N, C-alpha and C. Protein backbone atom coordinates (compact mmCIF):
# COMPACT_ATOMS: atom_id res chain seq x y z
N MET A 1 -6.74 214.84 43.69
CA MET A 1 -7.59 214.02 44.53
C MET A 1 -6.92 213.89 45.90
N LEU A 2 -7.76 213.97 46.93
CA LEU A 2 -7.26 213.90 48.30
C LEU A 2 -7.67 212.57 48.93
N SER A 3 -6.79 212.00 49.72
CA SER A 3 -7.14 210.81 50.49
C SER A 3 -8.01 211.24 51.67
N THR A 4 -8.54 210.27 52.38
CA THR A 4 -9.34 210.57 53.57
C THR A 4 -8.49 211.33 54.59
N ALA A 5 -7.24 210.92 54.76
CA ALA A 5 -6.36 211.59 55.72
C ALA A 5 -6.11 213.05 55.31
N GLU A 6 -5.85 213.27 54.03
CA GLU A 6 -5.60 214.63 53.55
C GLU A 6 -6.84 215.51 53.65
N ALA A 7 -7.99 214.94 53.27
CA ALA A 7 -9.24 215.71 53.33
C ALA A 7 -9.61 216.04 54.77
N SER A 8 -9.45 215.08 55.67
CA SER A 8 -9.79 215.33 57.08
C SER A 8 -8.89 216.39 57.68
N GLU A 9 -7.62 216.39 57.29
CA GLU A 9 -6.69 217.41 57.77
C GLU A 9 -7.11 218.80 57.27
N ARG A 10 -7.45 218.87 56.01
CA ARG A 10 -7.87 220.15 55.43
C ARG A 10 -9.17 220.66 56.07
N LEU A 11 -10.07 219.72 56.41
CA LEU A 11 -11.35 220.10 57.00
C LEU A 11 -11.26 220.34 58.51
N GLY A 12 -10.17 219.89 59.11
CA GLY A 12 -10.00 220.07 60.55
C GLY A 12 -10.84 219.12 61.39
N VAL A 13 -11.10 217.93 60.83
CA VAL A 13 -11.84 216.90 61.56
C VAL A 13 -11.02 215.61 61.54
N SER A 14 -11.39 214.68 62.40
CA SER A 14 -10.68 213.40 62.41
C SER A 14 -11.08 212.56 61.20
N GLN A 15 -10.25 211.59 60.88
CA GLN A 15 -10.57 210.69 59.77
C GLN A 15 -11.85 209.93 60.07
N ARG A 16 -12.03 209.55 61.33
CA ARG A 16 -13.24 208.82 61.73
C ARG A 16 -14.49 209.67 61.49
N THR A 17 -14.41 210.95 61.78
CA THR A 17 -15.55 211.84 61.55
C THR A 17 -15.87 211.90 60.07
N LEU A 18 -14.86 212.02 59.24
CA LEU A 18 -15.08 212.07 57.79
C LEU A 18 -15.70 210.76 57.29
N ILE A 19 -15.28 209.65 57.84
CA ILE A 19 -15.85 208.34 57.47
C ILE A 19 -17.32 208.29 57.89
N ARG A 20 -17.63 208.75 59.10
CA ARG A 20 -19.03 208.78 59.55
C ARG A 20 -19.88 209.67 58.66
N TRP A 21 -19.33 210.81 58.28
CA TRP A 21 -20.06 211.73 57.40
C TRP A 21 -20.42 211.06 56.09
N ARG A 22 -19.48 210.35 55.48
CA ARG A 22 -19.76 209.75 54.17
C ARG A 22 -20.68 208.54 54.28
N GLN A 23 -20.80 207.95 55.47
CA GLN A 23 -21.69 206.81 55.66
C GLN A 23 -23.09 207.24 56.07
N SER A 24 -23.27 208.53 56.39
CA SER A 24 -24.58 209.00 56.81
C SER A 24 -25.49 209.18 55.60
N VAL A 25 -26.80 209.18 55.87
CA VAL A 25 -27.78 209.41 54.81
C VAL A 25 -28.65 210.57 55.25
N PRO A 26 -28.65 211.69 54.54
CA PRO A 26 -27.80 212.00 53.38
C PRO A 26 -26.35 212.24 53.81
N ILE A 27 -25.46 212.19 52.85
CA ILE A 27 -24.03 212.37 53.11
C ILE A 27 -23.79 213.78 53.65
N ILE A 28 -23.01 213.85 54.70
CA ILE A 28 -22.56 215.13 55.25
C ILE A 28 -21.15 215.36 54.72
N GLY A 29 -20.81 216.58 54.46
CA GLY A 29 -19.46 216.89 54.00
C GLY A 29 -19.31 216.76 52.50
N PRO A 30 -18.08 216.91 52.03
CA PRO A 30 -17.84 216.83 50.58
C PRO A 30 -18.11 215.42 50.06
N PRO A 31 -18.59 215.30 48.83
CA PRO A 31 -18.92 213.97 48.30
C PRO A 31 -17.68 213.12 48.06
N PRO A 32 -17.70 211.88 48.54
CA PRO A 32 -16.58 210.97 48.30
C PRO A 32 -16.64 210.39 46.89
N ILE A 33 -15.48 210.03 46.37
CA ILE A 33 -15.39 209.40 45.05
C ILE A 33 -14.66 208.07 45.24
N ARG A 34 -15.30 206.99 44.80
CA ARG A 34 -14.66 205.67 44.91
C ARG A 34 -13.89 205.40 43.63
N ILE A 35 -12.61 205.09 43.80
CA ILE A 35 -11.75 204.71 42.67
C ILE A 35 -11.17 203.35 43.04
N GLY A 36 -11.73 202.30 42.44
CA GLY A 36 -11.33 200.95 42.84
C GLY A 36 -11.76 200.73 44.28
N ASN A 37 -10.81 200.38 45.14
CA ASN A 37 -11.10 200.19 46.56
C ASN A 37 -10.81 201.44 47.37
N ALA A 38 -10.31 202.48 46.75
CA ALA A 38 -9.91 203.70 47.46
C ALA A 38 -11.04 204.73 47.44
N ILE A 39 -11.13 205.48 48.52
CA ILE A 39 -12.05 206.61 48.60
C ILE A 39 -11.20 207.87 48.48
N ARG A 40 -11.59 208.74 47.59
CA ARG A 40 -10.88 210.01 47.38
C ARG A 40 -11.89 211.15 47.41
N TYR A 41 -11.36 212.35 47.59
CA TYR A 41 -12.18 213.56 47.59
C TYR A 41 -11.55 214.53 46.60
N ALA A 42 -12.37 215.09 45.73
CA ALA A 42 -11.87 216.09 44.79
C ALA A 42 -11.55 217.35 45.58
N GLU A 43 -10.39 217.90 45.33
CA GLU A 43 -9.94 219.10 46.04
C GLU A 43 -10.96 220.23 45.91
N GLN A 44 -11.53 220.38 44.72
CA GLN A 44 -12.52 221.42 44.48
C GLN A 44 -13.77 221.19 45.33
N ASP A 45 -14.21 219.93 45.46
CA ASP A 45 -15.38 219.62 46.29
C ASP A 45 -15.13 219.97 47.75
N VAL A 46 -13.93 219.67 48.24
CA VAL A 46 -13.58 219.98 49.63
C VAL A 46 -13.58 221.50 49.83
N ASN A 47 -12.96 222.22 48.91
CA ASN A 47 -12.91 223.68 49.03
C ASN A 47 -14.30 224.31 48.96
N CYS A 48 -15.15 223.81 48.05
CA CYS A 48 -16.52 224.33 47.93
C CYS A 48 -17.31 224.04 49.20
N TRP A 49 -17.14 222.86 49.77
CA TRP A 49 -17.87 222.52 50.99
C TRP A 49 -17.45 223.44 52.14
N ILE A 50 -16.16 223.73 52.23
CA ILE A 50 -15.68 224.65 53.27
C ILE A 50 -16.33 226.02 53.08
N LEU A 51 -16.39 226.50 51.85
CA LEU A 51 -17.01 227.81 51.58
C LEU A 51 -18.49 227.83 51.93
N THR A 52 -19.21 226.75 51.62
CA THR A 52 -20.64 226.72 51.95
C THR A 52 -20.85 226.71 53.46
N GLN A 53 -19.96 226.06 54.19
CA GLN A 53 -20.08 226.05 55.65
C GLN A 53 -19.81 227.44 56.22
N ARG A 54 -18.87 228.14 55.61
CA ARG A 54 -18.56 229.49 56.06
C ARG A 54 -19.76 230.41 55.79
N GLU A 55 -20.42 230.23 54.65
CA GLU A 55 -21.60 231.03 54.32
C GLU A 55 -22.74 230.74 55.29
N LYS A 56 -22.92 229.47 55.67
CA LYS A 56 -23.96 229.10 56.63
C LYS A 56 -23.72 229.76 57.97
N GLY A 57 -22.45 229.92 58.33
CA GLY A 57 -22.09 230.52 59.61
C GLY A 57 -22.42 232.01 59.68
N LYS A 58 -22.55 232.65 58.52
CA LYS A 58 -22.86 234.09 58.49
C LYS A 58 -24.34 234.36 58.73
N ALA A 59 -25.18 233.35 58.52
CA ALA A 59 -26.64 233.56 58.62
C ALA A 59 -27.08 233.79 60.05
């Protein structure tokens, strides 16, 4: 599981951007997971989201 800081670094965006993405409707970016008061991102979800963005760029 990745923290917001770790996920934003991997995605190449600021933490604030990642927070805005998860607050948007519909959610932009990888789906967040709430564990208690913490927000985490599954590493697999982040990697899959990166791949889908790369595929969109080829169109």
